[in-house]
Protein backbone atom coordinates (compact mmCIF):
# COMPACT_ATOMS: atom_id res chain seq x y z
CA MET A 1 -0.01 0.01 0.00
CA GLY A 2 2.87 2.34 -0.70
CA THR A 3 6.17 2.63 1.11
CA ALA A 4 7.68 5.79 2.48
CA THR A 5 11.45 6.29 2.63
CA THR A 6 13.36 9.39 3.62
CA LEU A 7 15.86 11.85 2.22
CA VAL A 8 18.27 13.40 4.69
CA CYS A 9 18.92 17.09 4.20
CA THR A 10 21.64 19.40 5.58
CA PRO A 11 20.15 22.67 6.83
CA MET A 12 21.68 25.60 5.05
CA GLY A 13 22.84 27.11 8.34
CA GLU A 14 25.48 24.40 8.37
CA MET A 15 26.75 25.24 4.92
CA ALA A 16 28.92 28.06 3.60
CA ALA A 17 26.24 29.25 1.24
CA ALA A 18 24.41 32.53 0.62
CA ALA A 19 21.59 33.11 3.11
CA ALA A 20 19.18 34.04 0.39
CA ASP A 21 19.23 30.69 -1.42
CA MET A 22 19.16 26.97 -0.73
CA ARG A 23 19.60 23.62 -2.40
CA ALA A 24 16.51 21.76 -3.60
CA VAL A 25 15.50 18.95 -5.88
CA VAL A 26 13.56 20.41 -8.82
CA TYR A 27 11.88 19.18 -11.97
CA GLU A 28 11.11 21.62 -14.79
CA ARG A 29 9.00 19.24 -16.80
CA PHE A 30 6.99 16.13 -16.06
CA GLY A 31 8.66 12.79 -16.74
CA GLY A 32 10.78 10.00 -15.27
CA PRO A 33 13.44 10.26 -12.57
CA GLU A 34 15.83 11.80 -15.09
CA VAL A 35 13.94 15.10 -14.89
CA LEU A 36 15.06 15.58 -11.26
CA GLU A 37 17.91 18.04 -10.69
CA VAL A 38 19.56 19.52 -7.64
CA GLN A 39 19.47 23.32 -8.03
CA ARG A 40 20.03 26.42 -6.01
CA VAL A 41 16.72 28.21 -5.59
CA PRO A 42 15.52 31.20 -3.53
CA LYS A 43 14.97 30.37 0.13
CA PRO A 44 11.28 30.67 0.97
CA GLU A 45 9.91 33.20 3.45
CA ALA A 46 7.20 32.44 5.99
CA GLY A 47 4.08 34.56 5.99
CA ALA A 48 1.41 35.12 8.61
CA GLY A 49 0.45 31.85 10.32
CA GLU A 50 3.29 29.99 8.60
CA LEU A 51 6.51 28.34 9.73
CA LEU A 52 9.87 28.25 8.03
CA ILE A 53 11.23 24.73 8.59
CA ALA A 54 14.87 23.74 8.29
CA VAL A 55 14.31 20.30 6.79
CA HIS A 56 16.37 17.53 8.40
CA ALA A 57 14.62 14.68 6.52
CA ALA A 58 12.00 14.42 3.73
CA GLY A 59 9.65 11.50 3.30
CA VAL A 60 9.48 9.85 -0.15
CA ASN A 61 6.08 8.45 -1.09
CA PRO A 62 4.62 6.87 -4.27
CA VAL A 63 2.51 9.99 -4.89
CA ASP A 64 5.72 12.00 -5.30
CA ALA A 65 6.69 9.89 -8.32
CA GLN A 66 3.14 9.93 -9.67
CA ASN A 67 3.01 13.74 -9.54
CA ARG A 68 6.51 13.99 -11.05
CA ALA A 69 5.30 11.83 -13.99
CA ASP A 70 2.18 13.94 -14.51
CA GLY A 71 0.96 16.29 -11.84
CA ALA A 72 -1.92 17.79 -13.83
CA TRP A 73 -4.52 16.20 -11.52
CA ALA A 74 -2.91 17.99 -8.55
CA GLU A 75 -2.89 21.26 -10.49
CA LEU A 76 0.94 21.33 -10.57
CA GLU A 77 2.79 23.42 -13.11
CA PRO A 78 6.59 23.01 -13.37
CA PRO A 79 9.02 24.03 -12.06
CA VAL A 80 8.20 22.03 -8.95
CA ILE A 81 10.09 21.09 -5.83
CA PRO A 82 8.62 17.66 -4.98
CA GLY A 83 7.92 16.13 -1.58
CA TYR A 84 5.19 16.42 1.04
CA ASP A 85 6.38 14.76 4.26
CA PHE A 86 9.12 16.34 6.33
CA SER A 87 10.74 16.48 9.75
CA GLY A 88 12.89 19.36 10.90
CA VAL A 89 13.36 22.38 13.15
CA ILE A 90 11.44 25.66 13.11
CA GLU A 91 13.66 28.52 12.06
CA VAL A 92 11.06 31.31 11.78
CA THR A 93 7.56 31.55 13.30
CA ASP A 94 4.97 34.08 14.28
CA ALA A 95 2.52 31.35 15.51
CA GLY A 96 2.11 31.68 19.28
CA GLU A 97 2.15 27.96 20.08
CA TRP A 98 5.49 27.34 18.33
CA ALA A 99 8.97 28.68 19.05
CA GLU A 100 12.10 28.83 16.96
CA GLY A 101 14.13 25.67 17.55
CA ASP A 102 11.11 23.40 18.09
CA ALA A 103 11.45 19.97 16.36
CA VAL A 104 8.33 19.20 14.28
CA PHE A 105 7.06 16.92 11.58
CA GLY A 106 4.16 17.18 9.15
CA ALA A 107 3.06 17.22 5.53
CA LEU A 108 2.41 19.80 2.87
CA PRO A 109 -0.86 19.67 0.84
CA ILE A 110 -0.85 16.98 -1.87
CA ARG A 111 -2.52 19.32 -4.35
CA VAL A 112 -1.09 22.56 -5.70
CA THR A 113 2.14 22.46 -3.63
CA ARG A 114 4.99 23.53 -5.94
CA ARG A 115 7.57 24.16 -3.22
CA GLY A 116 7.78 20.81 -1.44
CA SER A 117 10.00 19.14 1.17
CA TYR A 118 12.87 17.93 -1.08
CA ALA A 119 14.78 21.05 -0.03
CA GLU A 120 16.84 22.49 2.75
CA TYR A 121 13.89 24.64 3.81
CA CYS A 122 10.13 24.60 3.33
CA VAL A 123 7.26 26.86 4.47
CA VAL A 124 4.20 25.27 5.97
CA ASP A 125 0.92 26.38 7.55
CA ALA A 126 1.48 26.15 11.32
CA ARG A 127 -1.67 24.00 11.62
CA ARG A 128 -0.11 21.25 9.49
CA VAL A 129 2.69 20.25 11.86
CA ALA A 130 2.95 18.29 15.10
CA ARG A 131 5.71 18.16 17.71
CA LYS A 132 8.25 15.46 16.85
CA PRO A 133 8.32 12.81 19.56
CA GLU A 134 11.72 12.70 21.30
CA GLY A 135 11.98 8.96 20.72
CA LEU A 136 11.84 9.39 16.93
CA ALA A 137 14.81 10.44 14.80
CA HIS A 138 14.04 12.93 12.02
CA VAL A 139 14.43 10.22 9.35
CA GLU A 140 11.81 8.09 11.14
CA ALA A 141 9.37 10.95 11.77
CA ALA A 142 9.52 12.06 8.10
CA ALA A 143 8.23 8.62 7.01
CA VAL A 144 5.06 8.92 9.13
CA PRO A 145 2.68 11.72 7.99
CA THR A 146 1.18 10.76 4.60
CA ALA A 147 1.24 6.95 5.14
CA ALA A 148 -0.10 7.05 8.71
CA CYS A 149 -2.77 9.68 8.09
CA THR A 150 -3.97 7.90 4.97
CA ALA A 151 -4.39 4.73 7.04
CA HIS A 152 -6.05 6.65 9.82
CA GLU A 153 -8.49 8.39 7.49
CA ALA A 154 -9.41 5.15 5.73
CA LEU A 155 -10.22 3.48 9.02
CA ARG A 156 -12.17 6.47 10.30
CA ARG A 157 -14.35 6.37 7.17
CA LEU A 158 -14.87 2.62 7.32
CA GLU A 159 -16.30 2.99 10.86
CA LEU A 160 -15.52 -0.57 11.87
CA GLU A 161 -16.61 -1.92 15.22
CA PRO A 162 -14.51 -4.19 17.48
CA GLY A 163 -14.71 -7.74 16.31
CA GLU A 164 -15.44 -6.90 12.62
CA TRP A 165 -13.17 -8.29 9.91
CA LEU A 166 -10.99 -6.00 7.79
CA LEU A 167 -8.92 -7.26 4.82
CA ILE A 168 -5.98 -4.99 4.11
CA HIS A 169 -4.43 -5.40 0.63
CA GLY A 170 -0.71 -4.66 0.51
CA GLY A 171 -0.27 -5.00 4.29
CA GLY A 172 3.51 -4.88 4.07
CA GLY A 173 3.68 -1.35 2.56
CA GLY A 174 3.83 1.98 4.31
CA VAL A 175 0.09 2.64 4.52
CA GLY A 176 -0.59 -1.05 5.20
CA THR A 177 1.68 -1.38 8.23
CA PHE A 178 0.09 1.66 9.82
CA ALA A 179 -3.40 0.42 9.02
CA VAL A 180 -2.71 -2.95 10.64
CA GLN A 181 -1.57 -1.30 13.86
CA LEU A 182 -4.40 1.24 14.02
CA ALA A 183 -7.12 -1.30 13.20
CA ALA A 184 -5.83 -3.86 15.70
CA SER A 185 -5.62 -1.24 18.42
CA ARG A 186 -9.36 -0.64 17.96
CA GLY A 187 -10.21 -4.31 18.32
CA VAL A 188 -10.77 -4.90 14.64
CA ARG A 189 -9.82 -8.40 13.41
CA VAL A 190 -7.24 -7.80 10.72
CA LEU A 191 -6.34 -9.94 7.73
CA ALA A 192 -3.39 -8.71 5.69
CA SER A 193 -2.34 -9.76 2.23
CA ALA A 194 1.43 -9.57 1.71
CA SER A 195 4.36 -11.57 0.55
CA SER A 196 5.52 -14.22 3.02
CA ALA A 197 8.62 -12.16 3.92
CA HIS A 198 6.31 -9.65 5.66
CA HIS A 199 4.18 -12.06 7.66
CA GLU A 200 6.22 -12.18 10.84
CA LEU A 201 6.32 -8.34 11.09
CA LEU A 202 2.60 -8.05 10.36
CA ALA A 203 1.78 -10.57 13.10
CA GLU A 204 3.87 -8.49 15.50
CA LEU A 205 1.94 -5.41 14.46
CA GLY A 206 -1.39 -7.00 15.20
CA ALA A 207 -2.59 -8.89 12.10
CA GLU A 208 -4.64 -11.87 13.13
CA ALA A 209 -3.65 -13.74 10.00
CA CYS A 210 -1.71 -13.09 6.80
CA ILE A 211 -2.39 -14.31 3.29
CA ASP A 212 0.46 -14.80 0.74
CA TYR A 213 -1.02 -13.43 -2.41
CA ALA A 214 1.57 -15.32 -4.45
CA ALA A 215 0.51 -18.66 -3.02
CA GLU A 216 -3.24 -18.37 -2.50
CA ASP A 217 -6.20 -16.38 -3.84
CA VAL A 218 -6.58 -13.53 -1.36
CA CYS A 219 -10.36 -13.47 -1.30
CA ALA A 220 -10.64 -17.25 -0.89
CA GLY A 221 -8.03 -17.11 1.86
CA ALA A 222 -9.87 -14.33 3.71
CA ARG A 223 -13.16 -16.17 3.57
CA ARG A 224 -11.44 -19.38 4.79
CA ILE A 225 -9.86 -17.66 7.78
CA ALA A 226 -12.79 -15.47 8.79
CA GLY A 227 -15.36 -18.21 8.12
CA ARG A 228 -17.49 -15.70 6.21
CA ASP A 229 -17.19 -12.60 4.04
CA VAL A 230 -15.25 -9.74 5.49
CA ASP A 231 -16.86 -6.53 6.68
CA ALA A 232 -14.54 -4.16 4.91
CA ILE A 233 -11.58 -4.00 2.53
CA ALA A 234 -8.78 -1.41 2.54
CA ALA A 235 -6.86 -1.36 -0.75
CA HIS A 236 -4.15 0.91 -2.09
CA LEU A 237 -5.57 0.62 -5.60
CA LEU A 238 -8.91 -0.71 -6.63
CA HIS A 239 -7.48 -3.13 -9.21
CA HIS A 240 -6.45 -5.41 -6.28
CA VAL A 241 -10.18 -5.97 -5.77
CA ALA A 242 -11.19 -5.82 -9.43
CA GLU A 243 -8.71 -8.53 -10.43
CA ASN A 244 -10.30 -10.94 -7.97
CA ALA A 245 -13.74 -9.99 -9.21
CA GLU A 246 -12.77 -10.80 -12.77
CA ARG A 247 -11.65 -14.28 -11.68
CA GLY A 248 -14.96 -14.80 -9.90
CA HIS A 249 -13.43 -14.55 -6.43
CA GLY A 250 -15.15 -11.39 -5.29
CA LEU A 251 -15.90 -11.05 -1.57
CA GLU A 252 -19.46 -10.18 -0.47
CA LEU A 253 -18.97 -6.86 1.32
CA VAL A 254 -21.14 -6.33 4.36
CA GLY A 255 -19.47 -2.95 4.92
CA SER A 256 -17.35 -0.60 2.84
CA LEU A 257 -14.34 -0.40 0.60
CA CYS A 258 -11.82 2.38 0.97
CA ALA A 259 -8.92 2.94 -1.39
CA ALA A 260 -6.15 5.55 -1.61
CA GLY A 261 -6.34 6.05 -5.33
CA LYS A 262 -7.97 5.13 -8.57
CA THR A 263 -6.02 4.61 -11.83
CA GLU A 264 -7.16 4.69 -15.43
CA GLN A 265 -6.82 0.85 -15.30
CA ASP A 266 -9.22 0.83 -12.33
CA GLU A 267 -11.76 2.94 -14.23
CA GLN A 268 -11.70 0.60 -17.22
CA ARG A 269 -12.13 -2.52 -15.10
CA GLN A 270 -14.81 -1.23 -12.68
CA PRO A 271 -16.56 1.76 -14.26
CA ASP A 272 -19.60 1.32 -12.03
CA LEU A 273 -17.58 2.17 -8.93
CA HIS A 274 -18.05 5.89 -8.31
CA TYR A 275 -15.67 7.82 -6.17
CA GLU A 276 -15.30 11.20 -4.60
CA ALA A 277 -11.93 12.82 -3.84
CA ILE A 278 -11.83 14.50 -0.47
CA LEU A 279 -8.84 16.57 0.53
CA HIS A 280 -8.99 17.46 4.18
CA GLY A 281 -8.65 20.83 5.87
CA THR A 282 -5.41 22.25 7.14
CA ASN A 283 -6.15 21.31 10.79
CA SER A 284 -5.31 17.68 10.13
CA PHE A 285 -2.74 17.47 7.31
CA ARG A 286 -4.66 14.34 6.31
CA TRP A 287 -5.79 13.37 2.83
CA GLY A 288 -7.57 10.43 1.34
CA ILE A 289 -9.84 9.30 -1.44
CA ARG A 290 -13.06 7.57 -0.58
CA LEU A 291 -14.76 5.21 -2.92
CA GLN A 292 -18.53 5.18 -2.68
CA ALA A 293 -19.68 2.10 -4.58
CA SER A 294 -23.10 1.74 -6.02
CA ARG A 295 -22.06 -1.87 -6.45
CA CYS A 296 -18.87 -3.20 -4.97
CA LEU A 297 -18.42 -6.65 -6.41
CA ARG A 298 -21.69 -8.29 -5.28
CA GLY A 299 -22.09 -6.33 -2.05
CA THR A 300 -23.49 -2.96 -1.10
CA ARG A 301 -22.20 -0.12 1.03
CA ARG A 302 -23.88 0.37 4.36
């Protein structure tokens, strides 16, 4: 369900460079990794209600590469500094609850952001950060925001009760590992599909059982373990579910399906699944896409 890694940055204060500029990763046209360049660009300035962050680490998520390839959906126009997740130290603030030198982590908006976190500095709305836990290094904290908040939002929208069954596709990825932990902490019975190499970790994180998608049909395995159809499915991309439907292995959904994205391939395979993109307010730095299905496989949404 997407894996976050981190880039480590050296704050400009530690470099013999002009105070008015900084290093950043930039792309001036959409395309593959080859369009990325390290450039010197003007250092941003914080406005009212904003923080200037000296970035110590930047999270790397699949959406970064998707937007680099074609960010039209996110209303991006090159040149763009990519990156959304970050962890660092506040250098400039006029927000009363924060002080210069505070260690924070957070995420910039997925849409429209043209000056992202792949840089020595970034400017962010003060409401989009949280205090970095002392027990987390910057490289660890920067891997949290988008993946964890996507998982949190999906579970919030699924509204599962303790004892209900949740099948998580791609449980070994960034969003998946957070979803397993969050769901299990709420008493939800978690089934996770993942390669066998991830099963031990997923069990430690709270998955009641794991299904090796390379060795067994995921839907058949979920039904076998749960003894019935699951109450909800969390999937990174809808084609995980659609592929099983095409093979006649669709699960009867008592509850809901929530996915973090929909590709052109998804639209072609399941055109009768309608979705609404919801980008959340600045108080939560959370984002997600909810799929509201008029018909999800053979089931219906509650």
